[in-house]
Amino acid sequence: MKSRLWILLALPCLAVGMYPLIYLFAAGKVGLLQTKNATLLNDGWWRLGFYSHIVCGGMALLVGWPQFVKSWRTKFMRWHRLAGKLYVLMVSVSGTAAVCIAPCSSTGWVAGLGFGSLGVVWLIFTWRAYHSIRQRDLYRHECQMIYSYSACLSAVTLRFWLPFLLVVCRLDFRIAYPIVAWLSWVPNLIVARFIVSRRPV
């Protein structure tokens, strides 16, 4: 059962983690770029922030999920530590970029505040996890990483919620996007809280 659950987690993480390649290699406007105006698309700083966010965020998603497989991290502790450091680096870049570009959301301040808050929360939990392991506090490190990766998984849950709001609920994008800016990560943290509360001390 656990193996099946890990496969269910790994597949969307791999798919969404590789998704930024579409932005890097596709010609013309794709994905969310279609919702941006020409002025923003021609802003070099915004483009730097956007691509830093999606590429580094994708990398964090790809290297993060195996860290929760106990048999893997026990057997390959050296690789676990290297992957963990890479995860912290990728989150630091992606989360900071997210905070910087969030005010430029094409649907207004509600979406901007939602995604900006996510960036801050992601950074805080990740650095708490890193600080905890530096202090040899393994239990707190694992708890903080559960919160951190639940925030990281917003990239996956967003791609489930947004089509649901647009297709099933028939909401206009200008209404659905501000909702998904919060819905993509707040429930994730609630689930993370439930998981942490059930862990033995």
Protein backbone atom coordinates (compact mmCIF):
# COMPACT_ATOMS: atom_id res chain seq x y z
CA MET A 1 0.00 0.00 0.00
CA LYS A 2 2.80 2.38 0.89
CA SER A 3 4.54 1.67 -2.41
CA ARG A 4 1.38 2.58 -4.29
CA LEU A 5 1.05 5.80 -2.33
CA TRP A 6 4.64 6.76 -3.13
CA ILE A 7 4.01 6.09 -6.82
CA LEU A 8 0.92 8.31 -6.66
CA LEU A 9 3.08 11.05 -5.12
CA ALA A 10 6.07 10.56 -7.39
CA LEU A 11 4.31 10.61 -10.76
CA PRO A 12 2.74 14.10 -10.49
CA CYS A 13 5.93 15.43 -8.87
CA LEU A 14 7.98 14.17 -11.81
CA ALA A 15 5.50 15.50 -14.34
CA VAL A 16 5.14 18.96 -12.78
CA GLY A 17 8.85 19.11 -11.95
CA MET A 18 9.64 18.70 -15.65
CA TYR A 19 6.90 21.13 -16.70
CA PRO A 20 9.17 24.23 -16.72
CA LEU A 21 10.96 22.74 -19.74
CA ILE A 22 7.89 23.72 -21.78
CA TYR A 23 8.51 27.39 -20.94
CA LEU A 24 12.20 27.11 -21.75
CA PHE A 25 11.92 25.41 -25.13
CA ALA A 26 8.46 26.21 -26.51
CA ALA A 27 8.20 29.06 -29.00
CA GLY A 28 5.83 31.91 -28.20
CA LYS A 29 3.60 32.40 -25.18
CA VAL A 30 2.64 29.22 -23.37
CA GLY A 31 0.86 28.45 -20.11
CA LEU A 32 0.52 31.37 -17.73
CA LEU A 33 2.54 33.60 -20.06
CA GLN A 34 -0.62 33.87 -22.15
CA THR A 35 -2.24 35.85 -19.31
CA LYS A 36 0.59 38.41 -19.09
CA ASN A 37 0.67 41.71 -20.95
CA ALA A 38 3.47 42.74 -23.31
CA THR A 39 4.93 45.28 -20.86
CA LEU A 40 5.46 42.64 -18.19
CA LEU A 41 6.79 40.07 -20.66
CA ASN A 42 9.38 42.57 -21.86
CA ASP A 43 10.52 43.39 -18.32
CA GLY A 44 13.91 41.72 -17.89
CA TRP A 45 13.73 41.60 -14.09
CA TRP A 46 10.27 40.04 -14.13
CA ARG A 47 11.41 37.42 -16.66
CA LEU A 48 14.45 36.62 -14.51
CA GLY A 49 12.19 36.19 -11.47
CA PHE A 50 9.63 34.10 -13.35
CA TYR A 51 12.11 31.66 -14.88
CA SER A 52 14.14 31.44 -11.66
CA HIS A 53 10.95 30.59 -9.81
CA ILE A 54 9.65 27.88 -12.15
CA VAL A 55 13.00 26.22 -12.93
CA CYS A 56 14.28 26.12 -9.35
CA GLY A 57 10.82 25.24 -8.05
CA GLY A 58 10.68 22.33 -10.49
CA MET A 59 14.08 21.13 -9.31
CA ALA A 60 12.95 21.33 -5.67
CA LEU A 61 9.88 19.27 -6.52
CA LEU A 62 12.00 16.64 -8.30
CA VAL A 63 14.64 16.19 -5.58
CA GLY A 64 12.26 16.57 -2.62
CA TRP A 65 9.93 13.61 -2.73
CA PRO A 66 12.58 10.80 -2.48
CA GLN A 67 13.76 12.34 0.80
CA PHE A 68 10.63 10.99 2.48
CA VAL A 69 11.38 7.38 1.49
CA LYS A 70 13.02 6.09 4.67
CA SER A 71 14.69 3.08 3.05
CA TRP A 72 16.30 5.31 0.41
CA ARG A 73 17.65 7.96 2.74
CA THR A 74 18.93 5.34 5.20
CA LYS A 75 20.77 3.40 2.50
CA PHE A 76 22.10 6.46 0.67
CA MET A 77 22.68 8.95 3.49
CA ARG A 78 25.38 10.85 1.60
CA TRP A 79 23.07 11.39 -1.36
CA HIS A 80 20.25 12.32 0.99
CA ARG A 81 22.38 15.11 2.45
CA LEU A 82 23.47 16.36 -0.97
CA ALA A 83 19.91 16.30 -2.27
CA GLY A 84 18.75 18.08 0.88
CA LYS A 85 21.26 20.88 0.36
CA LEU A 86 20.21 21.17 -3.28
CA TYR A 87 16.58 21.34 -2.18
CA VAL A 88 17.32 24.17 0.26
CA LEU A 89 19.19 26.08 -2.45
CA MET A 90 16.42 25.63 -5.01
CA VAL A 91 13.73 26.66 -2.52
CA SER A 92 15.76 29.72 -1.52
CA VAL A 93 15.94 30.90 -5.13
CA SER A 94 12.42 29.89 -6.16
CA GLY A 95 10.74 31.14 -2.99
CA THR A 96 12.52 34.51 -3.10
CA ALA A 97 11.66 34.90 -6.79
CA ALA A 98 8.02 34.04 -6.03
CA VAL A 99 7.81 36.78 -3.41
CA CYS A 100 9.36 39.28 -5.84
CA ILE A 101 7.04 38.58 -8.78
CA ALA A 102 3.85 37.95 -6.78
CA PRO A 103 2.76 41.63 -6.83
CA CYS A 104 2.71 41.42 -10.66
CA SER A 105 -0.12 38.88 -10.70
CA SER A 106 -2.34 39.50 -13.71
CA THR A 107 -5.53 39.03 -11.66
CA GLY A 108 -4.79 41.52 -8.90
CA TRP A 109 -3.67 41.79 -5.30
CA VAL A 110 -5.62 38.81 -3.87
CA ALA A 111 -3.71 36.36 -6.06
CA GLY A 112 -0.49 38.30 -5.50
CA LEU A 113 -0.91 38.13 -1.74
CA GLY A 114 -1.73 34.42 -1.91
CA PHE A 115 1.32 33.46 -3.93
CA GLY A 116 3.56 35.88 -2.04
CA SER A 117 2.44 34.38 1.28
CA LEU A 118 3.15 30.91 -0.08
CA GLY A 119 6.69 31.99 -0.98
CA VAL A 120 7.30 33.33 2.53
CA VAL A 121 5.83 30.22 4.22
CA TRP A 122 7.89 27.93 1.97
CA LEU A 123 11.10 29.77 2.79
CA ILE A 124 10.42 29.81 6.54
CA PHE A 125 9.68 26.10 6.88
CA THR A 126 12.61 25.14 4.65
CA TRP A 127 15.13 27.18 6.60
CA ARG A 128 13.68 25.93 9.89
CA ALA A 129 14.23 22.40 8.62
CA TYR A 130 17.81 23.22 7.63
CA HIS A 131 18.52 24.93 10.97
CA SER A 132 17.05 21.96 12.86
CA ILE A 133 19.28 19.40 11.18
CA ARG A 134 22.29 21.63 11.77
CA GLN A 135 21.33 21.49 15.45
CA ARG A 136 21.01 17.66 15.24
CA ASP A 137 17.30 17.91 16.02
CA LEU A 138 16.12 15.14 13.70
CA TYR A 139 12.50 15.09 14.85
CA ARG A 140 11.98 18.83 14.31
CA HIS A 141 13.85 18.63 11.00
CA GLU A 142 11.49 15.96 9.70
CA CYS A 143 8.41 17.87 10.88
CA GLN A 144 9.55 21.10 9.25
CA MET A 145 10.35 19.26 6.03
CA ILE A 146 6.82 17.87 5.93
CA TYR A 147 5.52 21.45 6.07
CA SER A 148 8.11 22.64 3.55
CA TYR A 149 7.33 19.98 0.97
CA SER A 150 3.59 20.41 1.45
CA ALA A 151 4.15 24.02 0.36
CA CYS A 152 6.30 22.81 -2.52
CA LEU A 153 3.47 20.49 -3.59
CA SER A 154 1.32 23.55 -4.26
CA ALA A 155 2.76 23.39 -7.78
CA VAL A 156 1.01 20.02 -8.14
CA THR A 157 -2.24 20.80 -6.36
CA LEU A 158 -2.60 24.06 -8.29
CA ARG A 159 -2.77 22.03 -11.50
CA PHE A 160 -5.60 19.98 -10.07
CA TRP A 161 -7.57 22.83 -8.54
CA LEU A 162 -7.36 25.31 -11.42
CA PRO A 163 -8.93 23.01 -14.06
CA PHE A 164 -11.55 22.00 -11.49
CA LEU A 165 -12.52 25.64 -10.89
CA LEU A 166 -12.45 26.51 -14.59
CA VAL A 167 -14.11 23.43 -16.10
CA VAL A 168 -16.27 21.91 -13.36
CA CYS A 169 -17.22 25.08 -11.47
CA ARG A 170 -17.22 27.14 -14.69
CA LEU A 171 -15.53 30.11 -13.05
CA ASP A 172 -13.89 32.85 -15.06
CA PHE A 173 -10.08 32.76 -14.90
CA ARG A 174 -10.04 36.18 -13.21
CA ILE A 175 -12.07 34.68 -10.35
CA ALA A 176 -10.55 31.19 -10.28
CA TYR A 177 -6.91 32.29 -10.20
CA PRO A 178 -7.15 34.38 -6.99
CA ILE A 179 -8.97 31.45 -5.35
CA VAL A 180 -6.36 28.92 -6.44
CA ALA A 181 -3.60 31.23 -5.19
CA TRP A 182 -4.73 30.20 -1.69
CA LEU A 183 -6.44 26.88 -2.36
CA SER A 184 -3.26 25.40 -3.85
CA TRP A 185 -1.34 25.52 -0.56
CA VAL A 186 -3.47 26.24 2.53
CA PRO A 187 -5.18 22.79 2.51
CA ASN A 188 -1.74 21.24 1.96
CA LEU A 189 -0.51 22.77 5.21
CA ILE A 190 -3.62 21.55 7.03
CA VAL A 191 -2.88 18.00 5.82
CA ALA A 192 0.77 18.46 6.84
CA ARG A 193 -0.35 19.54 10.30
CA PHE A 194 -2.48 16.40 10.58
CA ILE A 195 0.48 14.19 9.54
CA VAL A 196 2.85 15.90 11.99
CA SER A 197 0.34 15.61 14.86
CA ARG A 198 0.21 11.84 14.37
CA ARG A 199 3.99 11.35 14.40
CA PRO A 200 5.43 9.76 17.56
CA VAL A 201 7.79 12.02 19.48
